[in-house]
Amino acid sequence: MIRTRADYPLAETQPGAVTGKRGKSLPEITLDSVLAGDVTMEDLRITPQALQAQADVARDVERPTLALNFERGAELVEVPQDFIMQVYELLRPGRAKSKEELLEAAATMRDTYQAERIARFIEEAAETYAARGLFTFRF
């Protein structure tokens, strides 16, 4: 289902459609359910579907860059935090030793985590860093 500006904010217009990883909907997350131990962190984490819904709204209000950022975020939800931090460190200018190092990270994002948009972003960074000489530690 593609969301539009009329659906924003989703938590108010469609609270039952906002769910966590275990499928618990927003109205089911109450103080009583938390105190009863029925809510876990998985119920509170953002899902790819929620981020894609936000991307749909952003695109509908003519914010394509914001929409793309939400879509990239959706791809990262299932990527382990330690790998995200490794890639983040590589993307800092002067940290990656070579273009190949970034391309390997992009391949892992694509092949292991099906994160196509993120892989393209890293590949674009690799090209830019190569053109600007940003692979050697500059400080």
Protein backbone atom coordinates (compact mmCIF):
# COMPACT_ATOMS: atom_id res chain seq x y z
CA MET A 1 0.00 0.00 0.00
CA ILE A 2 1.45 3.36 -1.01
CA ARG A 3 0.93 6.09 1.55
CA THR A 4 0.24 9.75 0.72
CA ARG A 5 0.28 13.06 2.56
CA ALA A 6 -3.26 12.30 3.77
CA ASP A 7 -1.81 9.38 5.76
CA TYR A 8 0.63 11.57 7.69
CA PRO A 9 1.31 11.19 10.57
CA LEU A 10 0.85 7.45 10.35
CA ALA A 11 0.72 6.98 14.14
CA GLU A 12 -2.38 9.19 14.22
CA THR A 13 -4.12 8.34 10.96
CA GLN A 14 -3.38 4.59 10.90
CA PRO A 15 -2.08 3.49 14.31
CA GLY A 16 -3.05 -0.12 13.68
CA ALA A 17 -0.83 -0.20 10.61
CA VAL A 18 2.24 0.85 12.58
CA THR A 19 3.77 -2.36 13.91
CA GLY A 20 7.02 -3.55 15.39
CA LYS A 21 9.08 -6.51 14.25
CA ARG A 22 6.93 -9.00 16.18
CA GLY A 23 3.75 -7.57 14.63
CA LYS A 24 2.47 -5.77 17.73
CA SER A 25 0.56 -2.68 16.61
CA LEU A 26 0.96 0.75 18.13
CA PRO A 27 -2.38 0.64 20.02
CA GLU A 28 -1.24 -2.62 21.65
CA ILE A 29 1.78 -0.91 23.21
CA THR A 30 0.35 0.43 26.43
CA LEU A 31 1.76 1.03 29.89
CA ASP A 32 -0.16 -2.01 31.11
CA SER A 33 1.34 -4.23 28.38
CA VAL A 34 4.82 -2.92 29.18
CA LEU A 35 4.37 -3.55 32.90
CA ALA A 36 3.02 -7.03 32.17
CA GLY A 37 6.18 -7.80 30.19
CA ASP A 38 4.28 -8.20 26.93
CA VAL A 39 6.35 -5.55 25.12
CA THR A 40 9.95 -6.14 24.10
CA MET A 41 12.50 -3.95 22.34
CA GLU A 42 11.57 -5.72 19.10
CA ASP A 43 8.09 -4.22 19.44
CA LEU A 44 9.60 -0.73 19.61
CA ARG A 45 12.19 -0.94 16.83
CA ILE A 46 11.47 0.71 13.51
CA THR A 47 10.63 -1.67 10.68
CA PRO A 48 11.49 -1.48 6.99
CA GLN A 49 7.77 -1.21 6.29
CA ALA A 50 7.39 1.84 8.53
CA LEU A 51 10.34 3.55 6.87
CA GLN A 52 8.98 2.72 3.42
CA ALA A 53 5.62 4.21 4.41
CA GLN A 54 7.44 7.40 5.47
CA ALA A 55 9.28 7.36 2.13
CA ASP A 56 5.95 7.13 0.31
CA VAL A 57 4.66 10.18 2.17
CA ALA A 58 7.89 12.11 1.54
CA ARG A 59 7.72 11.33 -2.17
CA ASP A 60 4.06 12.40 -2.29
CA VAL A 61 4.96 15.80 -0.83
CA GLU A 62 7.76 16.17 -3.40
CA ARG A 63 10.68 15.46 -1.06
CA PRO A 64 12.52 12.82 -3.16
CA THR A 65 15.81 13.10 -1.29
CA LEU A 66 14.10 12.54 2.05
CA ALA A 67 12.22 9.60 0.52
CA LEU A 68 15.48 8.06 -0.67
CA ASN A 69 16.99 8.47 2.79
CA PHE A 70 14.02 6.66 4.34
CA GLU A 71 14.39 3.88 1.76
CA ARG A 72 18.09 3.52 2.51
CA GLY A 73 17.24 3.46 6.20
CA ALA A 74 14.74 0.68 5.55
CA GLU A 75 17.53 -1.38 4.00
CA LEU A 76 19.71 -0.90 7.08
CA VAL A 77 17.19 -2.13 9.65
CA GLU A 78 18.36 -5.75 9.39
CA VAL A 79 22.08 -5.00 8.99
CA PRO A 80 24.06 -5.71 12.18
CA GLN A 81 25.05 -2.57 14.06
CA ASP A 82 28.75 -3.50 14.12
CA PHE A 83 28.87 -3.78 10.33
CA ILE A 84 27.06 -0.45 9.94
CA MET A 85 29.67 1.15 12.18
CA GLN A 86 32.52 -0.44 10.18
CA VAL A 87 31.11 0.98 6.96
CA TYR A 88 30.48 4.34 8.61
CA GLU A 89 34.13 4.46 9.62
CA LEU A 90 35.23 3.56 6.08
CA LEU A 91 33.10 6.37 4.67
CA ARG A 92 34.88 9.01 6.70
CA PRO A 93 37.38 10.72 4.41
CA GLY A 94 40.90 9.41 4.89
CA ARG A 95 39.83 6.19 6.64
CA ALA A 96 39.46 3.70 3.78
CA LYS A 97 42.78 2.59 2.35
CA SER A 98 41.49 2.04 -1.18
CA LYS A 99 38.56 2.14 -3.53
CA GLU A 100 38.47 -1.66 -3.37
CA GLU A 101 37.88 -1.57 0.38
CA LEU A 102 34.73 0.50 -0.14
CA LEU A 103 33.63 -1.65 -3.05
CA GLU A 104 33.96 -4.76 -0.85
CA ALA A 105 31.71 -3.12 1.75
CA ALA A 106 29.21 -2.27 -1.00
CA ALA A 107 29.26 -5.88 -2.24
CA THR A 108 28.59 -7.15 1.28
CA MET A 109 25.66 -4.77 1.66
CA ARG A 110 24.25 -5.93 -1.67
CA ASP A 111 24.96 -9.65 -1.47
CA THR A 112 24.55 -10.40 2.23
CA TYR A 113 21.92 -7.87 3.29
CA GLN A 114 20.11 -7.10 0.00
CA ALA A 115 20.78 -3.40 0.61
CA GLU A 116 20.94 -2.27 -3.01
CA ARG A 117 20.49 1.48 -2.41
CA ILE A 118 23.13 1.50 0.32
CA ALA A 119 25.49 -0.46 -1.92
CA ARG A 120 25.05 2.12 -4.69
CA PHE A 121 25.65 4.93 -2.17
CA ILE A 122 28.94 3.33 -1.06
CA GLU A 123 29.98 2.75 -4.68
CA GLU A 124 29.29 6.39 -5.46
CA ALA A 125 31.40 7.38 -2.45
CA ALA A 126 34.21 5.12 -3.68
CA GLU A 127 34.19 6.88 -7.06
CA THR A 128 34.13 10.32 -5.45
CA TYR A 129 36.88 9.48 -2.98
CA ALA A 130 39.06 8.12 -5.81
CA ALA A 131 38.53 11.27 -7.88
CA ARG A 132 39.37 13.51 -4.92
CA GLY A 133 42.22 11.47 -3.47
CA LEU A 134 40.52 10.85 -0.15
CA PHE A 135 41.87 7.37 0.53
CA THR A 136 45.08 8.23 2.31
CA PHE A 137 45.03 9.47 5.88
CA ARG A 138 45.37 13.23 5.52
CA PHE A 139 45.94 14.40 9.11
